[in-house]
C-alpha atoms as a PDB file:
ATOM      1  CA  MET A   1       0.255   0.168  -0.247  1.00  0.00           C
ATOM      2  CA  GLU A   2       1.474   3.417  -1.420  1.00  0.00           C
ATOM      3  CA  LEU A   3      -0.430   7.344   0.366  1.00  0.00           C
ATOM      4  CA  ALA A   4      -0.994   8.539  -3.120  1.00  0.00           C
ATOM      5  CA  GLN A   5      -2.491  12.337  -1.995  1.00  0.00           C
ATOM      6  CA  VAL A   6      -4.307  13.811   1.576  1.00  0.00           C
ATOM      7  CA  ARG A   7      -7.640  16.070  -0.548  1.00  0.00           C
ATOM      8  CA  LEU A   8      -9.001  18.719   1.115  1.00  0.00           C
ATOM      9  CA  LEU A   9     -11.990  19.628   0.572  1.00  0.00           C
ATOM     10  CA  VAL A  10     -12.369  23.355  -0.235  1.00  0.00           C
ATOM     11  CA  THR A  11     -15.052  25.710  -1.076  1.00  0.00           C
ATOM     12  CA  ASP A  12     -13.038  28.333  -2.340  1.00  0.00           C
ATOM     13  CA  PHE A  13     -11.650  26.161  -5.023  1.00  0.00           C
ATOM     14  CA  ALA A  14      -9.643  28.867  -6.964  1.00  0.00           C
ATOM     15  CA  GLY A  15      -8.505  30.932  -3.823  1.00  0.00           C
ATOM     16  CA  CYS A  16      -7.388  27.489  -2.480  1.00  0.00           C
ATOM     17  CA  TYR A  17      -5.537  26.799  -5.368  1.00  0.00           C
ATOM     18  CA  ARG A  18      -3.877  30.190  -5.630  1.00  0.00           C
ATOM     19  CA  TYR A  19      -2.197  29.542  -1.794  1.00  0.00           C
ATOM     20  CA  TYR A  20      -1.176  26.672  -2.278  1.00  0.00           C
ATOM     21  CA  ARG A  21       0.554  26.862  -5.547  1.00  0.00           C
ATOM     22  CA  ASP A  22       1.391  30.608  -5.399  1.00  0.00           C
ATOM     23  CA  VAL A  23       1.625  31.410  -1.424  1.00  0.00           C
ATOM     24  CA  LEU A  24       3.356  27.893  -0.576  1.00  0.00           C
ATOM     25  CA  GLY A  25       5.567  27.559  -4.285  1.00  0.00           C
ATOM     26  CA  LEU A  26       3.851  24.439  -4.412  1.00  0.00           C
ATOM     27  CA  LYS A  27       3.335  23.201  -7.878  1.00  0.00           C
ATOM     28  CA  PRO A  28       0.519  21.723  -9.421  1.00  0.00           C
ATOM     29  CA  GLN A  29       0.467  18.496 -11.720  1.00  0.00           C
ATOM     30  CA  PHE A  30      -1.668  20.470 -14.130  1.00  0.00           C
ATOM     31  CA  GLU A  31      -3.614  23.833 -14.167  1.00  0.00           C
ATOM     32  CA  ALA A  32      -7.056  23.833 -13.068  1.00  0.00           C
ATOM     33  CA  GLU A  33      -7.157  26.998 -10.808  1.00  0.00           C
ATOM     34  CA  ASP A  34     -11.349  26.804 -11.305  1.00  0.00           C
ATOM     35  CA  GLY A  35     -11.211  22.898 -10.878  1.00  0.00           C
ATOM     36  CA  PRO A  36     -12.687  20.834  -9.107  1.00  0.00           C
ATOM     37  CA  TYR A  37     -10.059  18.577  -8.984  1.00  0.00           C
ATOM     38  CA  ALA A  38      -5.922  19.066  -8.830  1.00  0.00           C
ATOM     39  CA  LYS A  39      -3.116  17.439  -6.737  1.00  0.00           C
ATOM     40  CA  PHE A  40       0.212  19.119  -5.974  1.00  0.00           C
ATOM     41  CA  THR A  41       3.000  16.835  -5.657  1.00  0.00           C
ATOM     42  CA  PRO A  42       6.482  18.739  -3.610  1.00  0.00           C
ATOM     43  CA  ASP A  43       9.763  18.384  -5.300  1.00  0.00           C
ATOM     44  CA  GLY A  44      10.476  15.099  -2.838  1.00  0.00           C
ATOM     45  CA  GLY A  45       8.045  12.013  -2.654  1.00  0.00           C
ATOM     46  CA  THR A  46       5.205  10.472  -4.573  1.00  0.00           C
ATOM     47  CA  ALA A  47       2.158  11.753  -2.727  1.00  0.00           C
ATOM     48  CA  GLY A  48       0.782  15.057  -2.337  1.00  0.00           C
ATOM     49  CA  ILE A  49      -1.471  17.394  -1.118  1.00  0.00           C
ATOM     50  CA  ALA A  50      -4.807  17.412  -3.668  1.00  0.00           C
ATOM     51  CA  LEU A  51      -8.195  19.489  -3.205  1.00  0.00           C
ATOM     52  CA  GLN A  52     -11.798  18.665  -4.224  1.00  0.00           C
ATOM     53  CA  ASP A  53     -14.744  20.936  -4.529  1.00  0.00           C
ATOM     54  CA  ARG A  54     -16.447  20.300  -1.838  1.00  0.00           C
ATOM     55  CA  ALA A  55     -20.045  20.715  -3.783  1.00  0.00           C
ATOM     56  CA  GLN A  56     -18.840  18.050  -6.855  1.00  0.00           C
ATOM     57  CA  LEU A  57     -17.978  15.536  -4.133  1.00  0.00           C
ATOM     58  CA  ALA A  58     -21.504  15.989  -2.511  1.00  0.00           C
ATOM     59  CA  ARG A  59     -22.779  15.033  -5.412  1.00  0.00           C
ATOM     60  CA  VAL A  60     -21.406  11.068  -4.926  1.00  0.00           C
ATOM     61  CA  LEU A  61     -20.722  12.171  -1.410  1.00  0.00           C
ATOM     62  CA  GLY A  62     -24.184  13.485   0.380  1.00  0.00           C
ATOM     63  CA  GLU A  63     -23.331  13.640   3.495  1.00  0.00           C
ATOM     64  CA  LEU A  64     -20.461  16.195   2.330  1.00  0.00           C
ATOM     65  CA  ALA A  65     -23.122  18.841   1.270  1.00  0.00           C
ATOM     66  CA  ALA A  66     -22.963  20.240   5.236  1.00  0.00           C
ATOM     67  CA  GLU A  67     -20.932  22.619   5.548  1.00  0.00           C
ATOM     68  CA  PRO A  68     -18.382  22.522   7.871  1.00  0.00           C
ATOM     69  CA  ALA A  69     -16.640  23.884  11.057  1.00  0.00           C
ATOM     70  CA  GLY A  70     -13.611  25.301  12.946  1.00  0.00           C
ATOM     71  CA  HIS A  71     -10.602  23.934  11.481  1.00  0.00           C
ATOM     72  CA  ARG A  72     -10.899  21.028   8.581  1.00  0.00           C
ATOM     73  CA  SER A  73      -6.977  19.865   8.528  1.00  0.00           C
ATOM     74  CA  LEU A  74      -3.839  19.407   9.549  1.00  0.00           C
ATOM     75  CA  VAL A  75      -1.063  19.443   5.967  1.00  0.00           C
ATOM     76  CA  VAL A  76       2.026  19.215   7.664  1.00  0.00           C
ATOM     77  CA  LEU A  77       4.774  20.068   4.755  1.00  0.00           C
ATOM     78  CA  ARG A  78       8.782  19.397   5.857  1.00  0.00           C
ATOM     79  CA  VAL A  79      10.498  22.379   4.829  1.00  0.00           C
ATOM     80  CA  ASP A  80      14.892  22.392   4.849  1.00  0.00           C
ATOM     81  CA  ASP A  81      15.131  25.828   6.160  1.00  0.00           C
ATOM     82  CA  LEU A  82      12.600  27.333   7.846  1.00  0.00           C
ATOM     83  CA  ASP A  83      13.209  30.608   8.001  1.00  0.00           C
ATOM     84  CA  ARG A  84      13.899  31.976   4.698  1.00  0.00           C
ATOM     85  CA  TYR A  85      10.931  29.165   3.653  1.00  0.00           C
ATOM     86  CA  CYS A  86       8.561  31.651   6.325  1.00  0.00           C
ATOM     87  CA  GLU A  87      10.474  34.476   4.995  1.00  0.00           C
ATOM     88  CA  GLU A  88       9.635  34.074   1.150  1.00  0.00           C
ATOM     89  CA  LEU A  89       5.851  32.811   1.707  1.00  0.00           C
ATOM     90  CA  THR A  90       5.262  36.362   4.464  1.00  0.00           C
ATOM     91  CA  ALA A  91       6.226  37.795   0.922  1.00  0.00           C
ATOM     92  CA  ARG A  92       3.623  36.285  -1.005  1.00  0.00           C
ATOM     93  CA  GLY A  93       1.401  37.175   1.724  1.00  0.00           C
ATOM     94  CA  ALA A  94       0.798  34.267   3.826  1.00  0.00           C
ATOM     95  CA  GLY A  95       0.054  35.331   7.298  1.00  0.00           C
ATOM     96  CA  LEU A  96       1.819  32.981   9.880  1.00  0.00           C
ATOM     97  CA  LEU A  97      -0.164  31.447  13.022  1.00  0.00           C
ATOM     98  CA  ARG A  98       2.562  30.632  14.903  1.00  0.00           C
ATOM     99  CA  GLY A  99       6.555  30.427  14.980  1.00  0.00           C
ATOM    100  CA  PRO A 100       8.578  29.854  13.285  1.00  0.00           C
ATOM    101  CA  ALA A 101       9.997  28.369  16.730  1.00  0.00           C
ATOM    102  CA  PRO A 102      11.344  24.936  18.231  1.00  0.00           C
ATOM    103  CA  MET A 103       8.295  22.678  18.995  1.00  0.00           C
ATOM    104  CA  THR A 104      10.592  19.837  20.521  1.00  0.00           C
ATOM    105  CA  ASP A 105      14.510  19.457  20.240  1.00  0.00           C
ATOM    106  CA  ARG A 106      14.654  17.893  17.153  1.00  0.00           C
ATOM    107  CA  MET A 107      12.269  20.107  15.681  1.00  0.00           C
ATOM    108  CA  ARG A 108      11.606  23.509  14.683  1.00  0.00           C
ATOM    109  CA  VAL A 109       8.060  24.561  12.826  1.00  0.00           C
ATOM    110  CA  ALA A 110       5.135  27.508  12.424  1.00  0.00           C
ATOM    111  CA  HIS A 111       1.886  27.062  11.872  1.00  0.00           C
ATOM    112  CA  LEU A 112      -0.923  29.259   8.631  1.00  0.00           C
ATOM    113  CA  VAL A 113      -3.657  28.968   7.786  1.00  0.00           C
ATOM    114  CA  ASP A 114      -5.332  28.061   4.706  1.00  0.00           C
ATOM    115  CA  PRO A 115      -8.453  29.793   2.719  1.00  0.00           C
ATOM    116  CA  GLU A 116     -10.526  27.068   3.930  1.00  0.00           C
ATOM    117  CA  GLY A 117      -9.435  26.660   7.378  1.00  0.00           C
ATOM    118  CA  ASN A 118      -7.088  24.151   6.741  1.00  0.00           C
ATOM    119  CA  ILE A 119      -3.874  24.332   8.908  1.00  0.00           C
ATOM    120  CA  VAL A 120      -0.411  23.943   7.415  1.00  0.00           C
ATOM    121  CA  GLU A 121       2.274  22.818   9.745  1.00  0.00           C
ATOM    122  CA  LEU A 122       5.656  23.704   8.120  1.00  0.00           C
ATOM    123  CA  GLN A 123       8.551  21.432   9.675  1.00  0.00           C
ATOM    124  CA  GLU A 124      12.110  21.993  10.198  1.00  0.00           C
ATOM    125  CA  TRP A 125      14.339  18.608  11.815  1.00  0.00           C
ATOM    126  CA  LEU A 126      16.782  19.490  13.356  1.00  0.00           C
ATOM    127  CA  ALA A 127      17.899  15.535  13.859  1.00  0.00           C
ATOM    128  CA  LEU A 128      17.002  13.022  13.105  1.00  0.00           C
ATOM    129  CA  ARG A 129      16.109   9.866  15.429  1.00  0.00           C
ATOM    130  CA  GLY A 130      18.893   7.515  15.520  1.00  0.00           C
END
């Protein structure tokens, strides 16, 4: 078994698409700003983050028709230089909720929130477990 993607169900597809492409700097597999689906695969690895228009999928899974409340998910991305990446993100309009700051003695993190309320955690690993 292989993890192919984590899919975020969104109502503002275009806004989220631009956030993951233009603010976070992830590359879409194909241009699809109007949806209803797009997948972003980071440079390292094969799994990716996908966006799915919530209304389109609700036609298949009716229980998705109700509007969700609160934070919906936490997406975690590992970066090599957290300070530099956060500077780049804030220059592109991202607002940091917290960080960069130590989370443990092995990791520093920063947190952002996308246009749909999903939390994005950026991790810089300081030491790998032995």
